[in-house]
């Protein structure tokens, strides 16, 4: 069955600094995947993370909490828990 131009996957491209390209090549070699597969994974992961951040921001806004403050508080709580765990308190 032939595919028409409407059913073909779109192609994207971008110019990147040489060191970014070298890191991509190293990653692909170490993980035995193609650059196309790595870029698809990175793009999907980045979009998913952006959606999570947007959802978090929307929820914090809805609650009347500054997302930056909420994130900072979360980091501080996690830091305290980690310190207490390392000290044998928790």
PDB file of N, CA and C in Angstrom:
ATOM      1  N   UNK A   1       0.840  -1.173   0.000  1.00  0.00           N
ATOM      2  CA  UNK A   1       0.000   0.000   0.000  1.00  0.00           C
ATOM      3  C   UNK A   1       0.887   1.239   0.000  1.00  0.00           C
ATOM      4  N   UNK A   2       0.665   2.121  -0.903  1.00  0.00           N
ATOM      5  CA  UNK A   2       1.477   3.332  -1.032  1.00  0.00           C
ATOM      6  C   UNK A   2       1.016   4.374  -0.028  1.00  0.00           C
ATOM      7  N   UNK A   3       1.989   5.130   0.460  1.00  0.00           N
ATOM      8  CA  UNK A   3       1.663   6.215   1.379  1.00  0.00           C
ATOM      9  C   UNK A   3       1.643   7.523   0.605  1.00  0.00           C
ATOM     10  N   UNK A   4       0.639   8.333   0.883  1.00  0.00           N
ATOM     11  CA  UNK A   4       0.629   9.647   0.248  1.00  0.00           C
ATOM     12  C   UNK A   4       1.346  10.647   1.143  1.00  0.00           C
ATOM     13  N   UNK A   5       1.541  11.846   0.653  1.00  0.00           N
ATOM     14  CA  UNK A   5       2.319  12.854   1.387  1.00  0.00           C
ATOM     15  C   UNK A   5       1.649  13.267   2.693  1.00  0.00           C
ATOM     16  N   UNK A   6       0.321  13.103   2.811  1.00  0.00           N
ATOM     17  CA  UNK A   6      -0.373  13.471   4.046  1.00  0.00           C
ATOM     18  C   UNK A   6      -0.105  12.481   5.175  1.00  0.00           C
ATOM     19  N   UNK A   7       0.275  11.256   4.872  1.00  0.00           N
ATOM     20  CA  UNK A   7       0.481  10.252   5.911  1.00  0.00           C
ATOM     21  C   UNK A   7       1.952  10.098   6.302  1.00  0.00           C
ATOM     22  N   UNK A   8       2.834  10.801   5.627  1.00  0.00           N
ATOM     23  CA  UNK A   8       4.255  10.721   5.959  1.00  0.00           C
ATOM     24  C   UNK A   8       4.542  11.538   7.207  1.00  0.00           C
ATOM     25  N   UNK A   9       5.481  11.053   8.002  1.00  0.00           N
ATOM     26  CA  UNK A   9       5.867  11.781   9.208  1.00  0.00           C
ATOM     27  C   UNK A   9       6.637  13.035   8.811  1.00  0.00           C
ATOM     28  N   UNK A  10       6.376  14.144   9.490  1.00  0.00           N
ATOM     29  CA  UNK A  10       7.119  15.372   9.179  1.00  0.00           C
ATOM     30  C   UNK A  10       8.570  15.257   9.651  1.00  0.00           C
ATOM     31  N   UNK A  11       9.428  16.036   9.025  1.00  0.00           N
ATOM     32  CA  UNK A  11      10.843  16.068   9.369  1.00  0.00           C
ATOM     33  C   UNK A  11      11.156  17.422   9.984  1.00  0.00           C
ATOM     34  N   UNK A  12      12.022  17.402  11.014  1.00  0.00           N
ATOM     35  CA  UNK A  12      12.492  18.641  11.615  1.00  0.00           C
ATOM     36  C   UNK A  12      14.012  18.646  11.584  1.00  0.00           C
ATOM     37  N   UNK A  13      14.584  19.830  11.641  1.00  0.00           N
ATOM     38  CA  UNK A  13      16.040  19.936  11.689  1.00  0.00           C
ATOM     39  C   UNK A  13      16.403  21.170  12.498  1.00  0.00           C
ATOM     40  N   UNK A  14      17.631  21.163  13.000  1.00  0.00           N
ATOM     41  CA  UNK A  14      18.104  22.310  13.779  1.00  0.00           C
ATOM     42  C   UNK A  14      19.626  22.348  13.720  1.00  0.00           C
ATOM     43  N   UNK A  15      20.160  23.531  13.751  1.00  0.00           N
ATOM     44  CA  UNK A  15      21.607  23.706  13.874  1.00  0.00           C
ATOM     45  C   UNK A  15      21.936  23.743  15.357  1.00  0.00           C
ATOM     46  N   UNK A  16      23.008  23.060  15.726  1.00  0.00           N
ATOM     47  CA  UNK A  16      23.435  23.021  17.127  1.00  0.00           C
ATOM     48  C   UNK A  16      24.933  23.305  17.205  1.00  0.00           C
ATOM     49  N   UNK A  17      25.397  23.758  18.371  1.00  0.00           N
ATOM     50  CA  UNK A  17      26.836  23.968  18.529  1.00  0.00           C
ATOM     51  C   UNK A  17      27.590  22.639  18.373  1.00  0.00           C
ATOM     52  N   UNK A  18      28.833  22.723  17.957  1.00  0.00           N
ATOM     53  CA  UNK A  18      29.648  21.525  17.719  1.00  0.00           C
ATOM     54  C   UNK A  18      29.708  20.633  18.959  1.00  0.00           C
ATOM     55  N   UNK A  19      29.868  21.233  20.160  1.00  0.00           N
ATOM     56  CA  UNK A  19      29.978  20.403  21.361  1.00  0.00           C
ATOM     57  C   UNK A  19      28.672  19.648  21.647  1.00  0.00           C
ATOM     58  N   UNK A  20      27.536  20.246  21.324  1.00  0.00           N
ATOM     59  CA  UNK A  20      26.257  19.559  21.490  1.00  0.00           C
ATOM     60  C   UNK A  20      26.169  18.380  20.528  1.00  0.00           C
ATOM     61  N   UNK A  21      26.587  18.606  19.311  1.00  0.00           N
ATOM     62  CA  UNK A  21      26.585  17.534  18.308  1.00  0.00           C
ATOM     63  C   UNK A  21      27.508  16.394  18.738  1.00  0.00           C
ATOM     64  N   UNK A  22      28.683  16.741  19.248  1.00  0.00           N
ATOM     65  CA  UNK A  22      29.632  15.715  19.698  1.00  0.00           C
ATOM     66  C   UNK A  22      29.054  14.912  20.863  1.00  0.00           C
ATOM     67  N   UNK A  23      28.376  15.606  21.786  1.00  0.00           N
ATOM     68  CA  UNK A  23      27.742  14.902  22.908  1.00  0.00           C
ATOM     69  C   UNK A  23      26.646  13.966  22.412  1.00  0.00           C
ATOM     70  N   UNK A  24      25.885  14.413  21.409  1.00  0.00           N
ATOM     71  CA  UNK A  24      24.844  13.568  20.821  1.00  0.00           C
ATOM     72  C   UNK A  24      25.462  12.324  20.201  1.00  0.00           C
ATOM     73  N   UNK A  25      26.520  12.500  19.445  1.00  0.00           N
ATOM     74  CA  UNK A  25      27.178  11.348  18.824  1.00  0.00           C
ATOM     75  C   UNK A  25      27.695  10.376  19.885  1.00  0.00           C
ATOM     76  N   UNK A  26      28.315  10.906  20.945  1.00  0.00           N
ATOM     77  CA  UNK A  26      28.810  10.055  22.028  1.00  0.00           C
ATOM     78  C   UNK A  26      27.664   9.283  22.677  1.00  0.00           C
ATOM     79  N   UNK A  27      26.568   9.985  22.933  1.00  0.00           N
ATOM     80  CA  UNK A  27      25.401   9.341  23.541  1.00  0.00           C
ATOM     81  C   UNK A  27      24.893   8.201  22.653  1.00  0.00           C
ATOM     82  N   UNK A  28      24.800   8.468  21.365  1.00  0.00           N
ATOM     83  CA  UNK A  28      24.296   7.458  20.433  1.00  0.00           C
ATOM     84  C   UNK A  28      25.211   6.240  20.374  1.00  0.00           C
ATOM     85  N   UNK A  29      26.498   6.471  20.354  1.00  0.00           N
ATOM     86  CA  UNK A  29      27.447   5.357  20.336  1.00  0.00           C
ATOM     87  C   UNK A  29      27.361   4.540  21.619  1.00  0.00           C
ATOM     88  N   UNK A  30      27.301   5.223  22.762  1.00  0.00           N
ATOM     89  CA  UNK A  30      27.247   4.532  24.056  1.00  0.00           C
ATOM     90  C   UNK A  30      25.960   3.732  24.222  1.00  0.00           C
ATOM     91  N   UNK A  31      24.864   4.218  23.637  1.00  0.00           N
ATOM     92  CA  UNK A  31      23.566   3.574  23.796  1.00  0.00           C
ATOM     93  C   UNK A  31      23.135   2.776  22.572  1.00  0.00           C
ATOM     94  N   UNK A  32      24.014   2.710  21.576  1.00  0.00           N
ATOM     95  CA  UNK A  32      23.771   1.940  20.354  1.00  0.00           C
ATOM     96  C   UNK A  32      22.412   2.281  19.725  1.00  0.00           C
ATOM     97  N   UNK A  33      22.179   3.598  19.544  1.00  0.00           N
ATOM     98  CA  UNK A  33      20.966   4.050  18.868  1.00  0.00           C
ATOM     99  C   UNK A  33      21.352   5.094  17.823  1.00  0.00           C
ATOM    100  N   UNK A  34      20.454   5.314  16.900  1.00  0.00           N
ATOM    101  CA  UNK A  34      20.702   6.313  15.860  1.00  0.00           C
ATOM    102  C   UNK A  34      20.449   7.712  16.399  1.00  0.00           C
ATOM    103  N   UNK A  35      20.998   8.701  15.711  1.00  0.00           N
ATOM    104  CA  UNK A  35      20.746  10.088  16.089  1.00  0.00           C
ATOM    105  C   UNK A  35      19.249  10.401  15.983  1.00  0.00           C
ATOM    106  N   UNK A  36      18.604   9.853  14.974  1.00  0.00           N
ATOM    107  CA  UNK A  36      17.164  10.100  14.801  1.00  0.00           C
ATOM    108  C   UNK A  36      16.380   9.560  15.996  1.00  0.00           C
ATOM    109  N   UNK A  37      16.715   8.349  16.442  1.00  0.00           N
ATOM    110  CA  UNK A  37      16.025   7.779  17.604  1.00  0.00           C
ATOM    111  C   UNK A  37      16.284   8.615  18.851  1.00  0.00           C
ATOM    112  N   UNK A  38      17.522   9.030  19.058  1.00  0.00           N
ATOM    113  CA  UNK A  38      17.864   9.834  20.231  1.00  0.00           C
ATOM    114  C   UNK A  38      17.111  11.162  20.199  1.00  0.00           C
ATOM    115  N   UNK A  39      17.088  11.810  19.055  1.00  0.00           N
ATOM    116  CA  UNK A  39      16.398  13.096  18.953  1.00  0.00           C
ATOM    117  C   UNK A  39      14.892  12.954  19.155  1.00  0.00           C
ATOM    118  N   UNK A  40      14.317  11.862  18.654  1.00  0.00           N
ATOM    119  CA  UNK A  40      12.892  11.611  18.899  1.00  0.00           C
ATOM    120  C   UNK A  40      12.632  11.452  20.394  1.00  0.00           C
ATOM    121  N   UNK A  41      13.486  10.668  21.062  1.00  0.00           N
ATOM    122  CA  UNK A  41      13.327  10.459  22.509  1.00  0.00           C
ATOM    123  C   UNK A  41      13.494  11.769  23.273  1.00  0.00           C
ATOM    124  N   UNK A  42      14.542  12.528  22.949  1.00  0.00           N
ATOM    125  CA  UNK A  42      14.800  13.789  23.653  1.00  0.00           C
ATOM    126  C   UNK A  42      13.660  14.782  23.452  1.00  0.00           C
ATOM    127  N   UNK A  43      13.148  14.836  22.236  1.00  0.00           N
ATOM    128  CA  UNK A  43      12.050  15.754  21.942  1.00  0.00           C
ATOM    129  C   UNK A  43      10.807  15.367  22.733  1.00  0.00           C
ATOM    130  N   UNK A  44      10.469  14.093  22.729  1.00  0.00           N
ATOM    131  CA  UNK A  44       9.294  13.622  23.470  1.00  0.00           C
ATOM    132  C   UNK A  44       9.462  13.860  24.966  1.00  0.00           C
ATOM    133  N   UNK A  45      10.646  13.547  25.506  1.00  0.00           N
ATOM    134  CA  UNK A  45      10.909  13.784  26.938  1.00  0.00           C
ATOM    135  C   UNK A  45      10.796  15.262  27.283  1.00  0.00           C
ATOM    136  N   UNK A  46      11.373  16.109  26.442  1.00  0.00           N
ATOM    137  CA  UNK A  46      11.321  17.548  26.689  1.00  0.00           C
ATOM    138  C   UNK A  46       9.900  18.081  26.659  1.00  0.00           C
ATOM    139  N   UNK A  47       9.117  17.622  25.706  1.00  0.00           N
ATOM    140  CA  UNK A  47       7.724  18.061  25.623  1.00  0.00           C
ATOM    141  C   UNK A  47       6.918  17.562  26.812  1.00  0.00           C
ATOM    142  N   UNK A  48       7.177  16.333  27.257  1.00  0.00           N
ATOM    143  CA  UNK A  48       6.483  15.806  28.433  1.00  0.00           C
ATOM    144  C   UNK A  48       6.843  16.599  29.684  1.00  0.00           C
ATOM    145  N   UNK A  49       8.117  16.918  29.846  1.00  0.00           N
ATOM    146  CA  UNK A  49       8.546  17.709  31.003  1.00  0.00           C
ATOM    147  C   UNK A  49       7.934  19.108  30.976  1.00  0.00           C
ATOM    148  N   UNK A  50       7.894  19.702  29.807  1.00  0.00           N
ATOM    149  CA  UNK A  50       7.291  21.034  29.685  1.00  0.00           C
ATOM    150  C   UNK A  50       5.816  20.986  30.065  1.00  0.00           C
ATOM    151  N   UNK A  51       5.127  19.918  29.677  1.00  0.00           N
ATOM    152  CA  UNK A  51       3.704  19.778  30.016  1.00  0.00           C
ATOM    153  C   UNK A  51       3.531  19.630  31.522  1.00  0.00           C
ATOM    154  N   UNK A  52       4.404  18.850  32.154  1.00  0.00           N
ATOM    155  CA  UNK A  52       4.340  18.669  33.607  1.00  0.00           C
ATOM    156  C   UNK A  52       4.580  19.998  34.312  1.00  0.00           C
ATOM    157  N   UNK A  53       5.570  20.757  33.852  1.00  0.00           N
ATOM    158  CA  UNK A  53       5.847  22.062  34.448  1.00  0.00           C
ATOM    159  C   UNK A  53       4.667  23.014  34.260  1.00  0.00           C
ATOM    160  N   UNK A  54       4.065  22.996  33.082  1.00  0.00           N
ATOM    161  CA  UNK A  54       2.899  23.847  32.825  1.00  0.00           C
ATOM    162  C   UNK A  54       1.733  23.463  33.727  1.00  0.00           C
ATOM    163  N   UNK A  55       1.501  22.146  33.875  1.00  0.00           N
ATOM    164  CA  UNK A  55       0.421  21.676  34.744  1.00  0.00           C
ATOM    165  C   UNK A  55       0.667  22.101  36.193  1.00  0.00           C
ATOM    166  N   UNK A  56       1.909  21.962  36.647  1.00  0.00           N
ATOM    167  CA  UNK A  56       2.272  22.355  38.010  1.00  0.00           C
ATOM    168  C   UNK A  56       2.034  23.850  38.216  1.00  0.00           C
ATOM    169  N   UNK A  57       2.485  24.637  37.258  1.00  0.00           N
ATOM    170  CA  UNK A  57       2.302  26.092  37.343  1.00  0.00           C
ATOM    171  C   UNK A  57       0.821  26.451  37.375  1.00  0.00           C
ATOM    172  N   UNK A  58       0.034  25.804  36.518  1.00  0.00           N
ATOM    173  CA  UNK A  58      -1.407  26.068  36.490  1.00  0.00           C
ATOM    174  C   UNK A  58      -2.057  25.716  37.827  1.00  0.00           C
ATOM    175  N   UNK A  59      -1.669  24.590  38.400  1.00  0.00           N
ATOM    176  CA  UNK A  59      -2.252  24.178  39.686  1.00  0.00           C
ATOM    177  C   UNK A  59      -1.867  25.140  40.796  1.00  0.00           C
ATOM    178  N   UNK A  60      -0.606  25.553  40.807  1.00  0.00           N
ATOM    179  CA  UNK A  60      -0.161  26.487  41.840  1.00  0.00           C
ATOM    180  C   UNK A  60      -0.861  27.840  41.682  1.00  0.00           C
ATOM    181  N   UNK A  61      -1.020  28.289  40.447  1.00  0.00           N
ATOM    182  CA  UNK A  61      -1.740  29.542  40.192  1.00  0.00           C
ATOM    183  C   UNK A  61      -3.188  29.441  40.675  1.00  0.00           C
ATOM    184  N   UNK A  62      -3.800  28.279  40.391  1.00  0.00           N
ATOM    185  CA  UNK A  62      -5.185  28.056  40.804  1.00  0.00           C
ATOM    186  C   UNK A  62      -5.320  28.107  42.331  1.00  0.00           C
ATOM    187  N   UNK A  63      -4.298  27.636  43.034  1.00  0.00           N
ATOM    188  CA  UNK A  63      -4.310  27.650  44.505  1.00  0.00           C
ATOM    189  C   UNK A  63      -3.845  28.984  45.080  1.00  0.00           C
ATOM    190  N   UNK A  64      -3.399  29.891  44.208  1.00  0.00           N
ATOM    191  CA  UNK A  64      -2.917  31.183  44.670  1.00  0.00           C
ATOM    192  C   UNK A  64      -1.511  31.132  45.230  1.00  0.00           C
ATOM    193  N   UNK A  65      -0.741  30.116  44.812  1.00  0.00           N
ATOM    194  CA  UNK A  65       0.632  29.949  45.288  1.00  0.00           C
ATOM    195  C   UNK A  65       1.592  30.248  44.150  1.00  0.00           C
ATOM    196  N   UNK A  66       2.627  31.021  44.440  1.00  0.00           N
ATOM    197  CA  UNK A  66       3.650  31.295  43.435  1.00  0.00           C
ATOM    198  C   UNK A  66       4.407  29.997  43.159  1.00  0.00           C
ATOM    199  N   UNK A  67       4.427  29.512  41.900  1.00  0.00           N
ATOM    200  CA  UNK A  67       5.098  28.248  41.584  1.00  0.00           C
ATOM    201  C   UNK A  67       6.579  28.255  41.961  1.00  0.00           C
ATOM    202  N   UNK A  68       7.233  29.383  41.821  1.00  0.00           N
ATOM    203  CA  UNK A  68       8.650  29.452  42.195  1.00  0.00           C
ATOM    204  C   UNK A  68       8.843  29.227  43.677  1.00  0.00           C
ATOM    205  N   UNK A  69       7.967  29.804  44.475  1.00  0.00           N
ATOM    206  CA  UNK A  69       8.028  29.616  45.927  1.00  0.00           C
ATOM    207  C   UNK A  69       7.729  28.169  46.292  1.00  0.00           C
ATOM    208  N   UNK A  70       6.714  27.587  45.664  1.00  0.00           N
ATOM    209  CA  UNK A  70       6.359  26.196  45.945  1.00  0.00           C
ATOM    210  C   UNK A  70       7.509  25.266  45.575  1.00  0.00           C
ATOM    211  N   UNK A  71       8.138  25.509  44.435  1.00  0.00           N
ATOM    212  CA  UNK A  71       9.273  24.682  44.017  1.00  0.00           C
ATOM    213  C   UNK A  71      10.446  24.815  44.963  1.00  0.00           C
ATOM    214  N   UNK A  72      10.715  26.025  45.406  1.00  0.00           N
ATOM    215  CA  UNK A  72      11.804  26.254  46.350  1.00  0.00           C
ATOM    216  C   UNK A  72      11.527  25.548  47.671  1.00  0.00           C
ATOM    217  N   UNK A  73      10.294  25.634  48.148  1.00  0.00           N
ATOM    218  CA  UNK A  73       9.934  24.953  49.390  1.00  0.00           C
ATOM    219  C   UNK A  73      10.080  23.446  49.261  1.00  0.00           C
ATOM    220  N   UNK A  74       9.676  22.900  48.127  1.00  0.00           N
ATOM    221  CA  UNK A  74       9.815  21.466  47.895  1.00  0.00           C
ATOM    222  C   UNK A  74      11.275  21.051  47.923  1.00  0.00           C
ATOM    223  N   UNK A  75      12.135  21.816  47.285  1.00  0.00           N
ATOM    224  CA  UNK A  75      13.564  21.516  47.269  1.00  0.00           C
ATOM    225  C   UNK A  75      14.134  21.571  48.682  1.00  0.00           C
ATOM    226  N   UNK A  76      13.732  22.573  49.463  1.00  0.00           N
ATOM    227  CA  UNK A  76      14.224  22.695  50.838  1.00  0.00           C
ATOM    228  C   UNK A  76      13.772  21.514  51.692  1.00  0.00           C
ATOM    229  N   UNK A  77      12.526  21.096  51.547  1.00  0.00           N
ATOM    230  CA  UNK A  77      12.026  19.949  52.306  1.00  0.00           C
ATOM    231  C   UNK A  77      12.800  18.691  51.926  1.00  0.00           C
ATOM    232  N   UNK A  78      13.021  18.483  50.641  1.00  0.00           N
ATOM    233  CA  UNK A  78      13.781  17.311  50.202  1.00  0.00           C
ATOM    234  C   UNK A  78      15.214  17.362  50.715  1.00  0.00           C
ATOM    235  N   UNK A  79      15.809  18.529  50.753  1.00  0.00           N
ATOM    236  CA  UNK A  79      17.159  18.691  51.271  1.00  0.00           C
ATOM    237  C   UNK A  79      17.218  18.346  52.755  1.00  0.00           C
ATOM    238  N   UNK A  80      16.254  18.834  53.525  1.00  0.00           N
ATOM    239  CA  UNK A  80      16.216  18.535  54.956  1.00  0.00           C
ATOM    240  C   UNK A  80      16.041  17.035  55.186  1.00  0.00           C
ATOM    241  N   UNK A  81      15.145  16.409  54.449  1.00  0.00           N
ATOM    242  CA  UNK A  81      14.934  14.966  54.580  1.00  0.00           C
ATOM    243  C   UNK A  81      16.213  14.204  54.256  1.00  0.00           C
ATOM    244  N   UNK A  82      16.898  14.600  53.190  1.00  0.00           N
ATOM    245  CA  UNK A  82      18.146  13.938  52.805  1.00  0.00           C
ATOM    246  C   UNK A  82      19.197  14.083  53.898  1.00  0.00           C
ATOM    247  N   UNK A  83      19.338  15.271  54.440  1.00  0.00           N
ATOM    248  CA  UNK A  83      20.316  15.500  55.507  1.00  0.00           C
ATOM    249  C   UNK A  83      19.975  14.649  56.726  1.00  0.00           C
ATOM    250  N   UNK A  84      18.702  14.631  57.103  1.00  0.00           N
ATOM    251  CA  UNK A  84      18.296  13.845  58.265  1.00  0.00           C
ATOM    252  C   UNK A  84      18.490  12.347  58.031  1.00  0.00           C
ATOM    253  N   UNK A  85      18.247  11.880  56.814  1.00  0.00           N
ATOM    254  CA  UNK A  85      18.473  10.476  56.491  1.00  0.00           C
ATOM    255  C   UNK A  85      19.956  10.135  56.584  1.00  0.00           C
ATOM    256  N   UNK A  86      20.809  11.006  56.055  1.00  0.00           N
ATOM    257  CA  UNK A  86      22.247  10.773  56.104  1.00  0.00           C
ATOM    258  C   UNK A  86      22.782  10.821  57.533  1.00  0.00           C
ATOM    259  N   UNK A  87      22.125  11.595  58.388  1.00  0.00           N
ATOM    260  CA  UNK A  87      22.530  11.696  59.784  1.00  0.00           C
ATOM    261  C   UNK A  87      21.983  10.542  60.610  1.00  0.00           C
ATOM    262  N   UNK A  88      21.131   9.709  60.022  1.00  0.00           N
ATOM    263  CA  UNK A  88      20.572   8.569  60.726  1.00  0.00           C
ATOM    264  C   UNK A  88      19.365   8.910  61.572  1.00  0.00           C
ATOM    265  N   UNK A  89      18.840  10.100  61.449  1.00  0.00           N
ATOM    266  CA  UNK A  89      17.667  10.517  62.222  1.00  0.00           C
ATOM    267  C   UNK A  89      16.392   9.890  61.647  1.00  0.00           C
ATOM    268  N   UNK A  90      16.319   9.807  60.348  1.00  0.00           N
ATOM    269  CA  UNK A  90      15.149   9.215  59.680  1.00  0.00           C
ATOM    270  C   UNK A  90      15.488   7.879  59.091  1.00  0.00           C
TER     271      UNK A  90
END
